[in-house]
Amino acid sequence: MNHSRTTLYLDPKIHRALKVKSATTDRSISEIVNEALIEALREDAIDLEAFRKRAKEPSRPFEKILSELKRDGLL
């Protein structure tokens, strides 16, 4: 697998936490960051698919939903 090199500027506390996690899990910081980014992108893809599937559903104004919740005693 080819890898691309990049520079990240991390908060010092985040960097310290990554170093500790790397040491305790025997994985590199790059592996940990790659896994986190893959998971974030996967979640985005799932969200986008859900939006695509629901694009043709009718929408309701937020104010109407709030008034219905109040009417039903839920707010």
N, C-alpha and C. Protein backbone atom coordinates (compact mmCIF):
# COMPACT_ATOMS: atom_id res chain seq x y z
N MET A 1 0.85 -1.18 0.00
CA MET A 1 0.00 0.00 0.00
C MET A 1 0.90 1.24 0.00
N ASN A 2 0.59 2.19 -0.87
CA ASN A 2 1.31 3.46 -0.88
C ASN A 2 0.75 4.36 0.20
N HIS A 3 1.62 5.13 0.79
CA HIS A 3 1.20 6.06 1.83
C HIS A 3 1.57 7.46 1.42
N SER A 4 0.76 8.42 1.79
CA SER A 4 1.06 9.83 1.57
C SER A 4 1.52 10.43 2.88
N ARG A 5 2.45 11.31 2.77
CA ARG A 5 2.98 11.97 3.96
C ARG A 5 2.29 13.31 4.11
N THR A 6 1.94 13.67 5.34
CA THR A 6 1.31 14.96 5.60
C THR A 6 1.77 15.47 6.95
N THR A 7 1.49 16.71 7.21
CA THR A 7 1.82 17.32 8.50
C THR A 7 0.52 17.68 9.20
N LEU A 8 0.40 17.28 10.43
CA LEU A 8 -0.76 17.63 11.26
C LEU A 8 -0.27 18.47 12.43
N TYR A 9 -1.04 19.47 12.78
CA TYR A 9 -0.74 20.25 13.96
C TYR A 9 -1.78 19.88 15.02
N LEU A 10 -1.30 19.22 16.04
CA LEU A 10 -2.19 18.71 17.09
C LEU A 10 -2.03 19.52 18.36
N ASP A 11 -3.11 19.61 19.09
CA ASP A 11 -3.06 20.17 20.42
C ASP A 11 -2.08 19.30 21.22
N PRO A 12 -1.21 19.89 22.02
CA PRO A 12 -0.22 19.10 22.77
C PRO A 12 -0.85 17.99 23.63
N LYS A 13 -2.01 18.25 24.21
CA LYS A 13 -2.65 17.23 25.03
C LYS A 13 -3.13 16.05 24.18
N ILE A 14 -3.65 16.36 22.98
CA ILE A 14 -4.08 15.30 22.07
C ILE A 14 -2.87 14.48 21.63
N HIS A 15 -1.77 15.17 21.32
CA HIS A 15 -0.56 14.47 20.89
C HIS A 15 -0.05 13.56 22.00
N ARG A 16 -0.06 14.04 23.21
CA ARG A 16 0.38 13.23 24.35
C ARG A 16 -0.51 12.00 24.51
N ALA A 17 -1.82 12.20 24.38
CA ALA A 17 -2.75 11.08 24.50
C ALA A 17 -2.51 10.06 23.39
N LEU A 18 -2.25 10.54 22.18
CA LEU A 18 -1.96 9.63 21.07
C LEU A 18 -0.69 8.84 21.32
N LYS A 19 0.33 9.49 21.86
CA LYS A 19 1.59 8.80 22.16
C LYS A 19 1.37 7.70 23.20
N VAL A 20 0.57 8.02 24.20
CA VAL A 20 0.28 7.02 25.24
C VAL A 20 -0.51 5.86 24.64
N LYS A 21 -1.54 6.17 23.85
CA LYS A 21 -2.34 5.11 23.23
C LYS A 21 -1.48 4.27 22.31
N SER A 22 -0.59 4.91 21.57
CA SER A 22 0.31 4.20 20.68
C SER A 22 1.18 3.22 21.47
N ALA A 23 1.72 3.69 22.55
CA ALA A 23 2.61 2.85 23.36
C ALA A 23 1.86 1.70 24.02
N THR A 24 0.64 1.97 24.46
CA THR A 24 -0.10 0.92 25.18
C THR A 24 -0.81 -0.07 24.27
N THR A 25 -0.97 0.29 23.00
CA THR A 25 -1.66 -0.62 22.08
C THR A 25 -0.73 -1.22 21.03
N ASP A 26 0.54 -0.83 21.10
CA ASP A 26 1.55 -1.32 20.14
C ASP A 26 1.16 -1.00 18.70
N ARG A 27 0.54 0.17 18.51
CA ARG A 27 0.20 0.66 17.16
C ARG A 27 0.84 2.03 17.00
N SER A 28 1.16 2.38 15.78
CA SER A 28 1.77 3.69 15.54
C SER A 28 0.69 4.77 15.61
N ILE A 29 1.15 6.00 15.81
CA ILE A 29 0.23 7.13 15.80
C ILE A 29 -0.45 7.20 14.44
N SER A 30 0.29 6.94 13.37
CA SER A 30 -0.30 6.95 12.03
C SER A 30 -1.43 5.94 11.91
N GLU A 31 -1.25 4.75 12.46
CA GLU A 31 -2.32 3.74 12.41
C GLU A 31 -3.55 4.21 13.16
N ILE A 32 -3.34 4.78 14.33
CA ILE A 32 -4.46 5.24 15.15
C ILE A 32 -5.21 6.36 14.43
N VAL A 33 -4.47 7.33 13.88
CA VAL A 33 -5.10 8.45 13.19
C VAL A 33 -5.82 7.96 11.93
N ASN A 34 -5.19 7.06 11.17
CA ASN A 34 -5.83 6.51 9.97
C ASN A 34 -7.14 5.81 10.32
N GLU A 35 -7.15 5.00 11.37
CA GLU A 35 -8.36 4.30 11.78
C GLU A 35 -9.46 5.28 12.17
N ALA A 36 -9.08 6.34 12.89
CA ALA A 36 -10.07 7.34 13.32
C ALA A 36 -10.63 8.08 12.11
N LEU A 37 -9.78 8.42 11.15
CA LEU A 37 -10.26 9.12 9.96
C LEU A 37 -11.14 8.23 9.10
N ILE A 38 -10.77 6.97 8.96
CA ILE A 38 -11.60 6.03 8.20
C ILE A 38 -12.98 5.91 8.83
N GLU A 39 -13.02 5.81 10.15
CA GLU A 39 -14.30 5.70 10.84
C GLU A 39 -15.14 6.96 10.65
N ALA A 40 -14.50 8.13 10.74
CA ALA A 40 -15.23 9.38 10.55
C ALA A 40 -15.78 9.48 9.13
N LEU A 41 -14.98 9.10 8.14
CA LEU A 41 -15.44 9.13 6.75
C LEU A 41 -16.55 8.11 6.50
N ARG A 42 -16.45 6.95 7.15
CA ARG A 42 -17.50 5.93 7.03
C ARG A 42 -18.82 6.46 7.58
N GLU A 43 -18.76 7.13 8.73
CA GLU A 43 -19.97 7.71 9.31
C GLU A 43 -20.55 8.77 8.39
N ASP A 44 -19.69 9.59 7.78
CA ASP A 44 -20.18 10.59 6.83
C ASP A 44 -20.86 9.93 5.64
N ALA A 45 -20.28 8.86 5.14
CA ALA A 45 -20.87 8.16 3.99
C ALA A 45 -22.24 7.59 4.36
N ILE A 46 -22.37 7.05 5.55
CA ILE A 46 -23.65 6.52 6.02
C ILE A 46 -24.68 7.64 6.12
N ASP A 47 -24.26 8.79 6.69
CA ASP A 47 -25.16 9.94 6.79
C ASP A 47 -25.60 10.42 5.42
N LEU A 48 -24.66 10.54 4.49
CA LEU A 48 -25.00 11.01 3.15
C LEU A 48 -25.97 10.07 2.45
N GLU A 49 -25.78 8.77 2.64
CA GLU A 49 -26.70 7.80 2.05
C GLU A 49 -28.10 7.95 2.64
N ALA A 50 -28.17 8.16 3.95
CA ALA A 50 -29.47 8.36 4.60
C ALA A 50 -30.15 9.62 4.07
N PHE A 51 -29.38 10.70 3.90
CA PHE A 51 -29.95 11.93 3.34
C PHE A 51 -30.45 11.69 1.93
N ARG A 52 -29.68 10.96 1.13
CA ARG A 52 -30.07 10.69 -0.25
C ARG A 52 -31.38 9.91 -0.29
N LYS A 53 -31.49 8.90 0.58
CA LYS A 53 -32.70 8.08 0.60
C LYS A 53 -33.93 8.87 1.04
N ARG A 54 -33.72 9.87 1.90
CA ARG A 54 -34.85 10.62 2.44
C ARG A 54 -35.11 11.93 1.72
N ALA A 55 -34.36 12.20 0.65
CA ALA A 55 -34.45 13.49 -0.05
C ALA A 55 -35.85 13.80 -0.54
N LYS A 56 -36.63 12.80 -0.91
CA LYS A 56 -37.96 13.05 -1.47
C LYS A 56 -39.07 13.02 -0.43
N GLU A 57 -38.70 12.76 0.82
CA GLU A 57 -39.72 12.76 1.87
C GLU A 57 -40.19 14.20 2.11
N PRO A 58 -41.47 14.35 2.39
CA PRO A 58 -41.94 15.71 2.69
C PRO A 58 -41.34 16.20 4.01
N SER A 59 -41.09 17.49 4.07
CA SER A 59 -40.55 18.05 5.31
C SER A 59 -41.66 18.78 6.05
N ARG A 60 -41.42 18.96 7.35
CA ARG A 60 -42.37 19.69 8.19
C ARG A 60 -41.62 20.82 8.86
N PRO A 61 -42.25 21.97 8.98
CA PRO A 61 -41.57 23.09 9.66
C PRO A 61 -41.28 22.74 11.12
N PHE A 62 -40.13 23.15 11.59
CA PHE A 62 -39.71 22.88 12.95
C PHE A 62 -40.71 23.44 13.96
N GLU A 63 -41.24 24.61 13.66
CA GLU A 63 -42.21 25.23 14.58
C GLU A 63 -43.44 24.35 14.77
N LYS A 64 -43.87 23.69 13.69
CA LYS A 64 -45.04 22.81 13.78
C LYS A 64 -44.73 21.61 14.68
N ILE A 65 -43.55 21.05 14.54
CA ILE A 65 -43.15 19.91 15.37
C ILE A 65 -43.11 20.32 16.83
N LEU A 66 -42.55 21.51 17.11
CA LEU A 66 -42.50 22.00 18.49
C LEU A 66 -43.90 22.18 19.06
N SER A 67 -44.80 22.75 18.26
CA SER A 67 -46.16 22.97 18.77
C SER A 67 -46.85 21.64 19.04
N GLU A 68 -46.60 20.63 18.21
CA GLU A 68 -47.19 19.31 18.44
C GLU A 68 -46.63 18.67 19.71
N LEU A 69 -45.35 18.82 19.94
CA LEU A 69 -44.74 18.28 21.17
C LEU A 69 -45.32 18.96 22.39
N LYS A 70 -45.50 20.28 22.32
CA LYS A 70 -46.11 21.02 23.43
C LYS A 70 -47.55 20.57 23.64
N ARG A 71 -48.29 20.44 22.55
CA ARG A 71 -49.69 20.00 22.61
C ARG A 71 -49.81 18.64 23.29
N ASP A 72 -48.86 17.75 22.98
CA ASP A 72 -48.90 16.39 23.52
C ASP A 72 -48.26 16.30 24.92
N GLY A 73 -47.84 17.45 25.47
CA GLY A 73 -47.28 17.47 26.82
C GLY A 73 -45.86 16.92 26.91
N LEU A 74 -45.18 16.83 25.79
CA LEU A 74 -43.82 16.30 25.81
C LEU A 74 -42.78 17.39 26.01
N LEU A 75 -43.20 18.65 25.86
CA LEU A 75 -42.30 19.79 26.14
C LEU A 75 -42.95 20.71 27.13
